[in-house]
């Protein structure tokens, strides 16, 4: 069964760091663009970053310079390193592989909406609190 599982979330103080993992089973992540998404309390889910199969990445302005995405194809894992965390980073973080656009699946593209993701994880909670 193909699935994505996120981990690494937790409670951290402002200014702290966390590293999230997105591990795939049943398929090879290196053939997919991977997106990280988050949903803060009372807000819509947003895409934080997308990494293409070549390793190129596109960050949202809210995390640019603080978050860093990387791949470890040997471990079939994508990481999200989060530094200088602040209260606004609190939320549930999800990863997705590929996405659906106009009814067709494109493994090498990240949709802006998590619900259009191909394979989607269940999320990991990040709480930034003093």
Foldseek 3Di string as FASTA:
>chain_A
DWAWAKDFADEAAAQAKIKMKIAIPPDFQLQAKKWKWWDDVPGAIWTAKIAFSVGDMDGDPVQPPFWDWDDDRVRSMIMIIGGRDDQVPWTWMKMAAFFDDPRDTDRGDDDGHQVRGDHIYPTDGHGHDD
